[in-house]
Amino acid sequence: MQMILRLILILVALVAFTTVGVFIFSLFARGVLPH
């Protein structure tokens, strides 16, 4: 049971980290590229 909870926690952390990374990358690209 605890192993499943740990896997779910790792999966949620990966998804959150990826979302934050994409958001920061989009902001960085928008600030650098001359729109």
PDB file of N, CA and C in Angstrom:
ATOM      1  N   MET A   1       0.836  -1.206   0.000  1.00  0.00           N
ATOM      2  CA  MET A   1       0.000   0.000   0.000  1.00  0.00           C
ATOM      3  C   MET A   1       0.872   1.258   0.000  1.00  0.00           C
ATOM      4  N   GLN A   2       1.902   1.250   0.834  1.00  0.00           N
ATOM      5  CA  GLN A   2       2.751   2.438   0.913  1.00  0.00           C
ATOM      6  C   GLN A   2       3.568   2.611  -0.363  1.00  0.00           C
ATOM      7  N   MET A   3       3.903   1.506  -1.021  1.00  0.00           N
ATOM      8  CA  MET A   3       4.657   1.591  -2.273  1.00  0.00           C
ATOM      9  C   MET A   3       3.810   2.264  -3.342  1.00  0.00           C
ATOM     10  N   ILE A   4       2.510   1.931  -3.382  1.00  0.00           N
ATOM     11  CA  ILE A   4       1.613   2.545  -4.369  1.00  0.00           C
ATOM     12  C   ILE A   4       1.482   4.041  -4.092  1.00  0.00           C
ATOM     13  N   LEU A   5       1.359   4.411  -2.824  1.00  0.00           N
ATOM     14  CA  LEU A   5       1.258   5.830  -2.474  1.00  0.00           C
ATOM     15  C   LEU A   5       2.532   6.562  -2.872  1.00  0.00           C
ATOM     16  N   ARG A   6       3.678   5.905  -2.687  1.00  0.00           N
ATOM     17  CA  ARG A   6       4.951   6.537  -3.042  1.00  0.00           C
ATOM     18  C   ARG A   6       5.052   6.728  -4.550  1.00  0.00           C
ATOM     19  N   LEU A   7       4.596   5.733  -5.322  1.00  0.00           N
ATOM     20  CA  LEU A   7       4.628   5.853  -6.780  1.00  0.00           C
ATOM     21  C   LEU A   7       3.706   6.975  -7.246  1.00  0.00           C
ATOM     22  N   ILE A   8       2.520   7.068  -6.640  1.00  0.00           N
ATOM     23  CA  ILE A   8       1.579   8.135  -7.012  1.00  0.00           C
ATOM     24  C   ILE A   8       2.176   9.498  -6.667  1.00  0.00           C
ATOM     25  N   LEU A   9       2.833   9.597  -5.519  1.00  0.00           N
ATOM     26  CA  LEU A   9       3.437  10.861  -5.114  1.00  0.00           C
ATOM     27  C   LEU A   9       4.541  11.271  -6.087  1.00  0.00           C
ATOM     28  N   ILE A  10       5.372  10.306  -6.512  1.00  0.00           N
ATOM     29  CA  ILE A  10       6.437  10.592  -7.476  1.00  0.00           C
ATOM     30  C   ILE A  10       5.840  11.027  -8.807  1.00  0.00           C
ATOM     31  N   LEU A  11       4.766  10.370  -9.228  1.00  0.00           N
ATOM     32  CA  LEU A  11       4.127  10.708 -10.505  1.00  0.00           C
ATOM     33  C   LEU A  11       3.561  12.128 -10.461  1.00  0.00           C
ATOM     34  N   VAL A  12       2.900  12.475  -9.362  1.00  0.00           N
ATOM     35  CA  VAL A  12       2.340  13.826  -9.223  1.00  0.00           C
ATOM     36  C   VAL A  12       3.457  14.869  -9.209  1.00  0.00           C
ATOM     37  N   ALA A  13       4.561  14.560  -8.523  1.00  0.00           N
ATOM     38  CA  ALA A  13       5.677  15.500  -8.467  1.00  0.00           C
ATOM     39  C   ALA A  13       6.278  15.707  -9.858  1.00  0.00           C
ATOM     40  N   LEU A  14       6.397  14.626 -10.639  1.00  0.00           N
ATOM     41  CA  LEU A  14       6.932  14.747 -11.994  1.00  0.00           C
ATOM     42  C   LEU A  14       6.020  15.597 -12.869  1.00  0.00           C
ATOM     43  N   VAL A  15       4.721  15.376 -12.775  1.00  0.00           N
ATOM     44  CA  VAL A  15       3.767  16.151 -13.583  1.00  0.00           C
ATOM     45  C   VAL A  15       3.823  17.629 -13.196  1.00  0.00           C
ATOM     46  N   ALA A  16       3.866  17.914 -11.894  1.00  0.00           N
ATOM     47  CA  ALA A  16       3.919  19.305 -11.442  1.00  0.00           C
ATOM     48  C   ALA A  16       5.221  19.962 -11.892  1.00  0.00           C
ATOM     49  N   PHE A  17       6.347  19.240 -11.786  1.00  0.00           N
ATOM     50  CA  PHE A  17       7.641  19.786 -12.187  1.00  0.00           C
ATOM     51  C   PHE A  17       7.668  20.068 -13.683  1.00  0.00           C
ATOM     52  N   THR A  18       7.083  19.152 -14.485  1.00  0.00           N
ATOM     53  CA  THR A  18       7.044  19.348 -15.935  1.00  0.00           C
ATOM     54  C   THR A  18       6.174  20.551 -16.291  1.00  0.00           C
ATOM     55  N   THR A  19       5.036  20.689 -15.620  1.00  0.00           N
ATOM     56  CA  THR A  19       4.140  21.822 -15.897  1.00  0.00           C
ATOM     57  C   THR A  19       4.830  23.142 -15.571  1.00  0.00           C
ATOM     58  N   VAL A  20       5.502  23.208 -14.420  1.00  0.00           N
ATOM     59  CA  VAL A  20       6.206  24.433 -14.031  1.00  0.00           C
ATOM     60  C   VAL A  20       7.348  24.718 -15.008  1.00  0.00           C
ATOM     61  N   GLY A  21       8.049  23.679 -15.433  1.00  0.00           N
ATOM     62  CA  GLY A  21       9.152  23.857 -16.377  1.00  0.00           C
ATOM     63  C   GLY A  21       8.670  24.408 -17.709  1.00  0.00           C
ATOM     64  N   VAL A  22       7.578  23.866 -18.223  1.00  0.00           N
ATOM     65  CA  VAL A  22       7.026  24.343 -19.496  1.00  0.00           C
ATOM     66  C   VAL A  22       6.536  25.781 -19.347  1.00  0.00           C
ATOM     67  N   PHE A  23       5.924  26.105 -18.207  1.00  0.00           N
ATOM     68  CA  PHE A  23       5.420  27.464 -17.979  1.00  0.00           C
ATOM     69  C   PHE A  23       6.572  28.469 -17.942  1.00  0.00           C
ATOM     70  N   ILE A  24       7.643  28.138 -17.211  1.00  0.00           N
ATOM     71  CA  ILE A  24       8.802  29.033 -17.130  1.00  0.00           C
ATOM     72  C   ILE A  24       9.476  29.152 -18.495  1.00  0.00           C
ATOM     73  N   PHE A  25       9.547  28.048 -19.239  1.00  0.00           N
ATOM     74  CA  PHE A  25      10.173  28.080 -20.565  1.00  0.00           C
ATOM     75  C   PHE A  25       9.375  28.959 -21.515  1.00  0.00           C
ATOM     76  N   SER A  26       8.034  28.893 -21.440  1.00  0.00           N
ATOM     77  CA  SER A  26       7.195  29.718 -22.316  1.00  0.00           C
ATOM     78  C   SER A  26       7.361  31.200 -21.959  1.00  0.00           C
ATOM     79  N   LEU A  27       7.433  31.511 -20.664  1.00  0.00           N
ATOM     80  CA  LEU A  27       7.643  32.900 -20.256  1.00  0.00           C
ATOM     81  C   LEU A  27       9.012  33.388 -20.718  1.00  0.00           C
ATOM     82  N   PHE A  28      10.036  32.547 -20.580  1.00  0.00           N
ATOM     83  CA  PHE A  28      11.394  32.911 -20.990  1.00  0.00           C
ATOM     84  C   PHE A  28      11.458  33.136 -22.497  1.00  0.00           C
ATOM     85  N   ALA A  29      10.830  32.235 -23.271  1.00  0.00           N
ATOM     86  CA  ALA A  29      10.834  32.368 -24.730  1.00  0.00           C
ATOM     87  C   ALA A  29      10.065  33.623 -25.144  1.00  0.00           C
ATOM     88  N   ARG A  30       8.963  33.907 -24.468  1.00  0.00           N
ATOM     89  CA  ARG A  30       8.167  35.094 -24.803  1.00  0.00           C
ATOM     90  C   ARG A  30       8.945  36.368 -24.489  1.00  0.00           C
ATOM     91  N   GLY A  31       9.776  36.332 -23.449  1.00  0.00           N
ATOM     92  CA  GLY A  31      10.558  37.516 -23.097  1.00  0.00           C
ATOM     93  C   GLY A  31      11.755  37.711 -24.017  1.00  0.00           C
ATOM     94  N   VAL A  32      12.310  36.606 -24.537  1.00  0.00           N
ATOM     95  CA  VAL A  32      13.510  36.700 -25.378  1.00  0.00           C
ATOM     96  C   VAL A  32      13.143  36.968 -26.834  1.00  0.00           C
ATOM     97  N   LEU A  33      12.173  36.211 -27.354  1.00  0.00           N
ATOM     98  CA  LEU A  33      11.811  36.369 -28.764  1.00  0.00           C
ATOM     99  C   LEU A  33      11.097  37.694 -28.996  1.00  0.00           C
ATOM    100  N   PRO A  34      11.467  38.398 -30.067  1.00  0.00           N
ATOM    101  CA  PRO A  34      10.839  39.700 -30.363  1.00  0.00           C
ATOM    102  C   PRO A  34       9.462  39.538 -30.973  1.00  0.00           C
ATOM    103  N   HIS A  35       8.442  39.536 -30.135  1.00  0.00           N
ATOM    104  CA  HIS A  35       7.068  39.447 -30.654  1.00  0.00           C
ATOM    105  C   HIS A  35       6.557  40.853 -30.926  1.00  0.00           C
TER     106      HIS A  35
END
